[in-house]
Amino acid sequence: MPFSSSSFVPGVLTALLAVGLVGCQPPTPPSKAPAQYNQLVQRAVAQAKAQSDSSLFWLRNTGNAQARSLMLDLGVDYLRYDREANVLCAWSGEGLWPARGYVTAPTSRTVVPPDSIGVLCNIEGTCTAEPVTKQWHRFRCE
C-alpha cells in the first residue's frame, strides 16, 4: 500500500491535539482525592527519611510502584519533597505548558509562602498560589 500524505497529516494533527489537551490538564485537586494525596505524601516523606540527601524528586515513572500508581491516578507528572524546607510539591506541565499543581508542608501545619514556591519546588518562572484546603495550596508557574 503506497504512503499517502493526505491521511498522514490529519492523523498527526489529531495526535498533537490530544497530547496538547492532556499536557494542559492540572492534577486532581487534593480536596477531591484526600486519601490518595495523604498516601502519596506518606510515601514521599518515608522515602526521604530513608535516604541521606534532604530532597527527593520523582517523575511519574520513577519512585516505588505505589507512588507511581498514585501519581498516575492523580495526574501528577512531578513530585519534589525537600525535607529541610518541609515542602512537598506535586505538579504537571512545565516546558510548553505552565506548571500547575499543589504544594504543602507535610510535617507541620505551616503554609508555604506563595512567593517562594518556584524556588522551593525548583520550577522556573513566576508562580501564583491560592489555598484550596487547610494544608494545600494550588499553584501555577509560568
N, C-alpha and C. Protein backbone atom coordinates (compact mmCIF):
# COMPACT_ATOMS: atom_id res chain seq x y z
N MET A 1 0.84 -1.17 0.00
CA MET A 1 0.00 0.00 0.00
C MET A 1 0.89 1.24 0.00
N PRO A 2 0.72 2.15 -0.93
CA PRO A 2 1.56 3.34 -1.01
C PRO A 2 1.25 4.31 0.14
N PHE A 3 2.27 5.08 0.51
CA PHE A 3 2.14 6.09 1.56
C PHE A 3 1.32 7.25 1.04
N SER A 4 0.36 7.70 1.81
CA SER A 4 -0.48 8.82 1.42
C SER A 4 -0.33 9.94 2.44
N SER A 5 0.19 11.07 2.00
CA SER A 5 0.37 12.19 2.93
C SER A 5 -0.97 12.78 3.35
N SER A 6 -2.01 12.61 2.54
CA SER A 6 -3.32 13.17 2.89
C SER A 6 -3.93 12.47 4.10
N SER A 7 -3.63 11.19 4.32
CA SER A 7 -4.15 10.50 5.50
C SER A 7 -3.21 10.66 6.70
N PHE A 8 -1.95 10.93 6.43
CA PHE A 8 -0.95 11.07 7.48
C PHE A 8 -1.12 12.39 8.25
N VAL A 9 -1.30 13.49 7.54
CA VAL A 9 -1.37 14.81 8.17
C VAL A 9 -2.53 14.93 9.15
N PRO A 10 -3.77 14.55 8.80
CA PRO A 10 -4.85 14.65 9.79
C PRO A 10 -4.58 13.77 11.02
N GLY A 11 -3.98 12.62 10.84
CA GLY A 11 -3.67 11.75 11.97
C GLY A 11 -2.66 12.38 12.90
N VAL A 12 -1.63 13.01 12.33
CA VAL A 12 -0.61 13.67 13.14
C VAL A 12 -1.23 14.86 13.87
N LEU A 13 -2.07 15.63 13.20
CA LEU A 13 -2.71 16.77 13.85
C LEU A 13 -3.61 16.32 14.98
N THR A 14 -4.33 15.24 14.80
CA THR A 14 -5.19 14.71 15.86
C THR A 14 -4.35 14.26 17.05
N ALA A 15 -3.25 13.59 16.80
CA ALA A 15 -2.36 13.14 17.88
C ALA A 15 -1.78 14.32 18.63
N LEU A 16 -1.34 15.34 17.92
CA LEU A 16 -0.78 16.53 18.57
C LEU A 16 -1.83 17.26 19.40
N LEU A 17 -3.04 17.34 18.91
CA LEU A 17 -4.12 17.96 19.66
C LEU A 17 -4.41 17.18 20.93
N ALA A 18 -4.44 15.86 20.84
CA ALA A 18 -4.69 15.02 22.02
C ALA A 18 -3.58 15.21 23.05
N VAL A 19 -2.33 15.22 22.63
CA VAL A 19 -1.21 15.43 23.55
C VAL A 19 -1.31 16.82 24.16
N GLY A 20 -1.67 17.81 23.38
CA GLY A 20 -1.80 19.17 23.88
C GLY A 20 -2.88 19.29 24.93
N LEU A 21 -3.99 18.63 24.72
CA LEU A 21 -5.08 18.68 25.70
C LEU A 21 -4.70 17.96 26.98
N VAL A 22 -4.03 16.83 26.87
CA VAL A 22 -3.59 16.10 28.06
C VAL A 22 -2.51 16.89 28.79
N GLY A 23 -1.59 17.49 28.06
CA GLY A 23 -0.48 18.22 28.66
C GLY A 23 -0.90 19.45 29.43
N CYS A 24 -2.08 19.99 29.15
CA CYS A 24 -2.53 21.20 29.84
C CYS A 24 -3.37 20.90 31.07
N GLN A 25 -3.69 19.67 31.32
CA GLN A 25 -4.57 19.32 32.43
C GLN A 25 -3.83 19.39 33.75
N PRO A 26 -4.39 20.13 34.73
CA PRO A 26 -3.77 20.13 36.06
C PRO A 26 -4.08 18.82 36.78
N PRO A 27 -3.30 18.50 37.80
CA PRO A 27 -3.58 17.29 38.57
C PRO A 27 -4.94 17.38 39.28
N THR A 28 -5.44 16.25 39.70
CA THR A 28 -6.65 16.19 40.51
C THR A 28 -6.42 16.99 41.78
N PRO A 29 -7.36 17.81 42.21
CA PRO A 29 -7.17 18.59 43.44
C PRO A 29 -7.15 17.70 44.69
N PRO A 30 -6.36 18.08 45.69
CA PRO A 30 -6.33 17.32 46.95
C PRO A 30 -7.71 17.24 47.62
N SER A 31 -8.55 18.23 47.40
CA SER A 31 -9.88 18.21 48.00
C SER A 31 -10.76 17.11 47.41
N LYS A 32 -10.45 16.66 46.20
CA LYS A 32 -11.23 15.60 45.56
C LYS A 32 -10.64 14.21 45.77
N ALA A 33 -9.40 14.14 46.23
CA ALA A 33 -8.74 12.85 46.44
C ALA A 33 -7.83 12.93 47.68
N PRO A 34 -8.39 13.29 48.83
CA PRO A 34 -7.53 13.47 50.01
C PRO A 34 -6.80 12.20 50.45
N ALA A 35 -7.45 11.06 50.37
CA ALA A 35 -6.79 9.81 50.80
C ALA A 35 -5.60 9.48 49.90
N GLN A 36 -5.75 9.68 48.59
CA GLN A 36 -4.65 9.40 47.67
C GLN A 36 -3.48 10.37 47.90
N TYR A 37 -3.79 11.65 48.12
CA TYR A 37 -2.71 12.61 48.40
C TYR A 37 -2.03 12.28 49.72
N ASN A 38 -2.80 11.89 50.74
CA ASN A 38 -2.19 11.51 52.02
C ASN A 38 -1.24 10.33 51.83
N GLN A 39 -1.65 9.34 51.04
CA GLN A 39 -0.77 8.18 50.78
C GLN A 39 0.50 8.61 50.06
N LEU A 40 0.34 9.48 49.06
CA LEU A 40 1.50 9.94 48.30
C LEU A 40 2.46 10.72 49.20
N VAL A 41 1.93 11.58 50.04
CA VAL A 41 2.76 12.34 50.97
C VAL A 41 3.48 11.40 51.93
N GLN A 42 2.77 10.43 52.48
CA GLN A 42 3.39 9.48 53.41
C GLN A 42 4.53 8.72 52.75
N ARG A 43 4.34 8.30 51.50
CA ARG A 43 5.38 7.56 50.78
C ARG A 43 6.61 8.46 50.54
N ALA A 44 6.36 9.70 50.14
CA ALA A 44 7.47 10.61 49.86
C ALA A 44 8.25 10.93 51.14
N VAL A 45 7.54 11.22 52.23
CA VAL A 45 8.21 11.54 53.49
C VAL A 45 9.01 10.34 53.99
N ALA A 46 8.42 9.15 53.92
CA ALA A 46 9.12 7.94 54.36
C ALA A 46 10.36 7.68 53.51
N GLN A 47 10.26 7.86 52.22
CA GLN A 47 11.41 7.65 51.33
C GLN A 47 12.50 8.67 51.62
N ALA A 48 12.12 9.92 51.85
CA ALA A 48 13.10 10.95 52.14
C ALA A 48 13.82 10.69 53.46
N LYS A 49 13.09 10.18 54.45
CA LYS A 49 13.71 9.86 55.74
C LYS A 49 14.68 8.69 55.61
N ALA A 50 14.41 7.79 54.67
CA ALA A 50 15.25 6.60 54.50
C ALA A 50 16.52 6.87 53.71
N GLN A 51 16.64 8.03 53.10
CA GLN A 51 17.84 8.32 52.31
C GLN A 51 18.63 9.43 52.95
N SER A 52 19.88 9.56 52.54
CA SER A 52 20.77 10.52 53.20
C SER A 52 20.58 11.96 52.71
N ASP A 53 20.25 12.18 51.44
CA ASP A 53 20.10 13.56 50.98
C ASP A 53 18.75 14.11 51.44
N SER A 54 18.65 15.43 51.43
CA SER A 54 17.48 16.07 52.04
C SER A 54 16.30 16.24 51.11
N SER A 55 16.43 15.91 49.83
CA SER A 55 15.29 16.07 48.94
C SER A 55 15.17 14.89 47.99
N LEU A 56 13.96 14.67 47.52
CA LEU A 56 13.76 13.64 46.51
C LEU A 56 12.94 14.24 45.38
N PHE A 57 13.13 13.69 44.21
CA PHE A 57 12.40 14.13 43.03
C PHE A 57 11.97 12.89 42.27
N TRP A 58 10.67 12.75 42.07
CA TRP A 58 10.13 11.62 41.32
C TRP A 58 9.42 12.12 40.07
N LEU A 59 9.65 11.45 38.99
CA LEU A 59 8.81 11.58 37.81
C LEU A 59 7.70 10.56 37.98
N ARG A 60 6.64 10.67 37.18
CA ARG A 60 5.55 9.72 37.38
C ARG A 60 5.93 8.29 37.00
N ASN A 61 7.11 8.08 36.43
CA ASN A 61 7.55 6.72 36.12
C ASN A 61 8.77 6.32 36.96
N THR A 62 9.03 7.04 38.07
CA THR A 62 10.10 6.66 38.99
C THR A 62 9.51 6.52 40.39
N GLY A 63 10.33 6.24 41.35
CA GLY A 63 9.83 6.03 42.71
C GLY A 63 9.30 4.61 42.84
N ASN A 64 8.70 4.30 43.99
CA ASN A 64 8.20 2.94 44.17
C ASN A 64 6.88 2.75 43.40
N ALA A 65 6.48 1.52 43.24
CA ALA A 65 5.30 1.19 42.42
C ALA A 65 4.04 1.87 42.92
N GLN A 66 3.85 1.92 44.24
CA GLN A 66 2.64 2.54 44.77
C GLN A 66 2.63 4.04 44.53
N ALA A 67 3.79 4.69 44.65
CA ALA A 67 3.87 6.12 44.37
C ALA A 67 3.60 6.39 42.89
N ARG A 68 4.17 5.58 42.01
CA ARG A 68 3.92 5.75 40.57
C ARG A 68 2.44 5.63 40.27
N SER A 69 1.80 4.64 40.85
CA SER A 69 0.37 4.42 40.62
C SER A 69 -0.45 5.61 41.11
N LEU A 70 -0.12 6.11 42.29
CA LEU A 70 -0.83 7.27 42.83
C LEU A 70 -0.62 8.49 41.94
N MET A 71 0.62 8.71 41.51
CA MET A 71 0.90 9.87 40.65
C MET A 71 0.12 9.78 39.35
N LEU A 72 0.08 8.60 38.74
CA LEU A 72 -0.69 8.43 37.50
C LEU A 72 -2.17 8.67 37.73
N ASP A 73 -2.72 8.11 38.83
CA ASP A 73 -4.14 8.30 39.14
C ASP A 73 -4.49 9.76 39.37
N LEU A 74 -3.58 10.50 39.99
CA LEU A 74 -3.84 11.91 40.31
C LEU A 74 -3.49 12.86 39.16
N GLY A 75 -2.81 12.37 38.15
CA GLY A 75 -2.40 13.24 37.05
C GLY A 75 -1.17 14.07 37.39
N VAL A 76 -0.35 13.58 38.31
CA VAL A 76 0.86 14.28 38.75
C VAL A 76 2.04 13.78 37.91
N ASP A 77 2.71 14.71 37.23
CA ASP A 77 3.89 14.35 36.44
C ASP A 77 5.17 14.38 37.26
N TYR A 78 5.25 15.30 38.23
CA TYR A 78 6.45 15.51 39.02
C TYR A 78 6.10 15.64 40.49
N LEU A 79 6.96 15.10 41.34
CA LEU A 79 6.80 15.27 42.78
C LEU A 79 8.17 15.58 43.35
N ARG A 80 8.25 16.64 44.12
CA ARG A 80 9.51 17.02 44.76
C ARG A 80 9.24 17.26 46.22
N TYR A 81 10.04 16.63 47.06
CA TYR A 81 9.94 16.85 48.50
C TYR A 81 11.29 17.28 49.03
N ASP A 82 11.32 18.42 49.69
CA ASP A 82 12.52 18.93 50.31
C ASP A 82 12.33 18.81 51.82
N ARG A 83 13.04 17.88 52.41
CA ARG A 83 12.89 17.58 53.84
C ARG A 83 13.31 18.76 54.71
N GLU A 84 14.41 19.43 54.37
CA GLU A 84 14.89 20.57 55.17
C GLU A 84 13.89 21.72 55.15
N ALA A 85 13.33 22.02 53.99
CA ALA A 85 12.38 23.11 53.88
C ALA A 85 10.96 22.68 54.27
N ASN A 86 10.73 21.36 54.39
CA ASN A 86 9.41 20.81 54.67
C ASN A 86 8.39 21.27 53.63
N VAL A 87 8.74 21.04 52.36
CA VAL A 87 7.86 21.43 51.26
C VAL A 87 7.73 20.26 50.30
N LEU A 88 6.49 19.89 50.02
CA LEU A 88 6.21 18.86 49.03
C LEU A 88 5.40 19.50 47.91
N CYS A 89 5.89 19.34 46.69
CA CYS A 89 5.24 19.90 45.50
C CYS A 89 4.84 18.76 44.58
N ALA A 90 3.63 18.80 44.08
CA ALA A 90 3.14 17.81 43.11
C ALA A 90 2.52 18.60 41.96
N TRP A 91 3.04 18.38 40.73
CA TRP A 91 2.55 19.20 39.63
C TRP A 91 2.63 18.47 38.30
N SER A 92 1.98 19.09 37.32
CA SER A 92 2.08 18.65 35.93
C SER A 92 2.39 19.88 35.09
N GLY A 93 2.75 19.64 33.84
CA GLY A 93 3.10 20.74 32.96
C GLY A 93 4.57 21.07 33.06
N GLU A 94 4.92 22.25 32.69
CA GLU A 94 6.27 22.80 32.65
C GLU A 94 6.83 22.59 31.26
N GLY A 95 7.57 23.55 30.80
CA GLY A 95 8.09 23.48 29.44
C GLY A 95 7.13 24.20 28.51
N LEU A 96 6.41 23.44 27.69
CA LEU A 96 5.45 24.04 26.77
C LEU A 96 4.22 24.60 27.48
N TRP A 97 3.87 24.03 28.62
CA TRP A 97 2.69 24.45 29.35
C TRP A 97 3.09 24.96 30.72
N PRO A 98 2.25 25.80 31.32
CA PRO A 98 2.56 26.24 32.68
C PRO A 98 2.61 25.06 33.65
N ALA A 99 3.44 25.15 34.65
CA ALA A 99 3.46 24.15 35.71
C ALA A 99 2.27 24.46 36.62
N ARG A 100 1.41 23.46 36.81
CA ARG A 100 0.23 23.64 37.66
C ARG A 100 0.15 22.48 38.63
N GLY A 101 -0.02 22.80 39.89
CA GLY A 101 -0.09 21.72 40.86
C GLY A 101 -0.42 22.21 42.24
N TYR A 102 0.07 21.45 43.23
CA TYR A 102 -0.28 21.68 44.63
C TYR A 102 0.97 21.57 45.49
N VAL A 103 0.99 22.35 46.56
CA VAL A 103 2.13 22.39 47.46
C VAL A 103 1.62 22.33 48.89
N THR A 104 2.39 21.65 49.75
CA THR A 104 2.04 21.54 51.15
C THR A 104 3.31 21.44 51.99
N ALA A 105 3.15 21.67 53.28
CA ALA A 105 4.22 21.45 54.26
C ALA A 105 3.78 20.22 55.06
N PRO A 106 4.22 19.03 54.65
CA PRO A 106 3.64 17.79 55.16
C PRO A 106 3.88 17.45 56.62
N THR A 107 4.96 17.94 57.22
CA THR A 107 5.22 17.54 58.60
C THR A 107 4.89 18.64 59.61
N SER A 108 4.23 19.69 59.17
CA SER A 108 3.77 20.75 60.07
C SER A 108 2.52 21.39 59.49
N ARG A 109 1.95 22.25 60.22
CA ARG A 109 0.74 22.95 59.76
C ARG A 109 1.06 24.33 59.19
N THR A 110 2.32 24.57 58.86
CA THR A 110 2.71 25.87 58.31
C THR A 110 2.28 25.98 56.85
N VAL A 111 2.19 27.19 56.38
CA VAL A 111 1.81 27.47 55.00
C VAL A 111 3.07 27.82 54.22
N VAL A 112 3.20 27.26 53.05
CA VAL A 112 4.33 27.57 52.18
C VAL A 112 4.11 28.96 51.60
N PRO A 113 5.05 29.89 51.77
CA PRO A 113 4.86 31.24 51.23
C PRO A 113 4.74 31.21 49.70
N PRO A 114 3.66 31.79 49.16
CA PRO A 114 3.45 31.74 47.70
C PRO A 114 4.60 32.29 46.88
N ASP A 115 5.31 33.33 47.40
CA ASP A 115 6.39 33.92 46.61
C ASP A 115 7.65 33.05 46.58
N SER A 116 7.68 31.95 47.34
CA SER A 116 8.85 31.08 47.32
C SER A 116 8.57 29.71 46.69
N ILE A 117 7.38 29.51 46.17
CA ILE A 117 7.01 28.21 45.61
C ILE A 117 7.94 27.81 44.46
N GLY A 118 8.20 28.71 43.54
CA GLY A 118 9.07 28.38 42.42
C GLY A 118 10.43 27.90 42.86
N VAL A 119 11.04 28.60 43.80
CA VAL A 119 12.36 28.23 44.30
C VAL A 119 12.30 26.91 45.06
N LEU A 120 11.33 26.78 45.96
CA LEU A 120 11.23 25.57 46.78
C LEU A 120 10.87 24.33 45.97
N CYS A 121 10.08 24.51 44.91
CA CYS A 121 9.70 23.37 44.06
C CYS A 121 10.68 23.15 42.92
N ASN A 122 11.65 24.07 42.77
CA ASN A 122 12.63 24.03 41.69
C ASN A 122 11.95 24.14 40.32
N ILE A 123 11.03 25.10 40.23
CA ILE A 123 10.30 25.37 38.99
C ILE A 123 10.64 26.79 38.56
N GLU A 124 11.01 26.95 37.31
CA GLU A 124 11.33 28.28 36.80
C GLU A 124 10.06 29.05 36.48
N GLY A 125 10.17 30.36 36.53
CA GLY A 125 9.05 31.22 36.18
C GLY A 125 8.42 31.86 37.40
N THR A 126 7.47 32.71 37.13
CA THR A 126 6.73 33.41 38.17
C THR A 126 5.56 32.54 38.59
N CYS A 127 5.39 32.37 39.90
CA CYS A 127 4.34 31.50 40.42
C CYS A 127 3.30 32.29 41.19
N THR A 128 2.07 31.86 41.09
CA THR A 128 0.99 32.37 41.90
C THR A 128 0.38 31.19 42.64
N ALA A 129 -0.23 31.47 43.79
CA ALA A 129 -0.80 30.38 44.58
C ALA A 129 -2.04 30.86 45.31
N GLU A 130 -2.92 29.89 45.60
CA GLU A 130 -4.12 30.17 46.40
C GLU A 130 -4.45 28.93 47.21
N PRO A 131 -4.97 29.11 48.42
CA PRO A 131 -5.31 27.94 49.24
C PRO A 131 -6.50 27.18 48.67
N VAL A 132 -6.44 25.84 48.77
CA VAL A 132 -7.59 25.01 48.36
C VAL A 132 -8.09 24.16 49.52
N THR A 133 -7.23 23.89 50.49
CA THR A 133 -7.61 23.24 51.74
C THR A 133 -6.76 23.87 52.83
N LYS A 134 -6.91 23.40 54.07
CA LYS A 134 -6.08 23.94 55.16
C LYS A 134 -4.60 23.64 54.95
N GLN A 135 -4.30 22.52 54.30
CA GLN A 135 -2.91 22.11 54.13
C GLN A 135 -2.35 22.35 52.74
N TRP A 136 -3.18 22.47 51.73
CA TRP A 136 -2.71 22.52 50.35
C TRP A 136 -2.99 23.87 49.70
N HIS A 137 -2.03 24.31 48.89
CA HIS A 137 -2.20 25.49 48.03
C HIS A 137 -2.09 25.04 46.57
N ARG A 138 -2.93 25.57 45.73
CA ARG A 138 -2.82 25.35 44.29
C ARG A 138 -1.87 26.40 43.75
N PHE A 139 -0.95 26.00 42.86
CA PHE A 139 -0.05 26.98 42.26
C PHE A 139 -0.01 26.84 40.75
N ARG A 140 0.45 27.91 40.14
CA ARG A 140 0.65 27.95 38.69
C ARG A 140 1.91 28.77 38.46
N CYS A 141 2.85 28.21 37.72
CA CYS A 141 4.11 28.91 37.41
C CYS A 141 4.24 29.03 35.89
N GLU A 142 4.51 30.23 35.45
CA GLU A 142 4.67 30.47 34.01
C GLU A 142 6.01 31.08 33.71
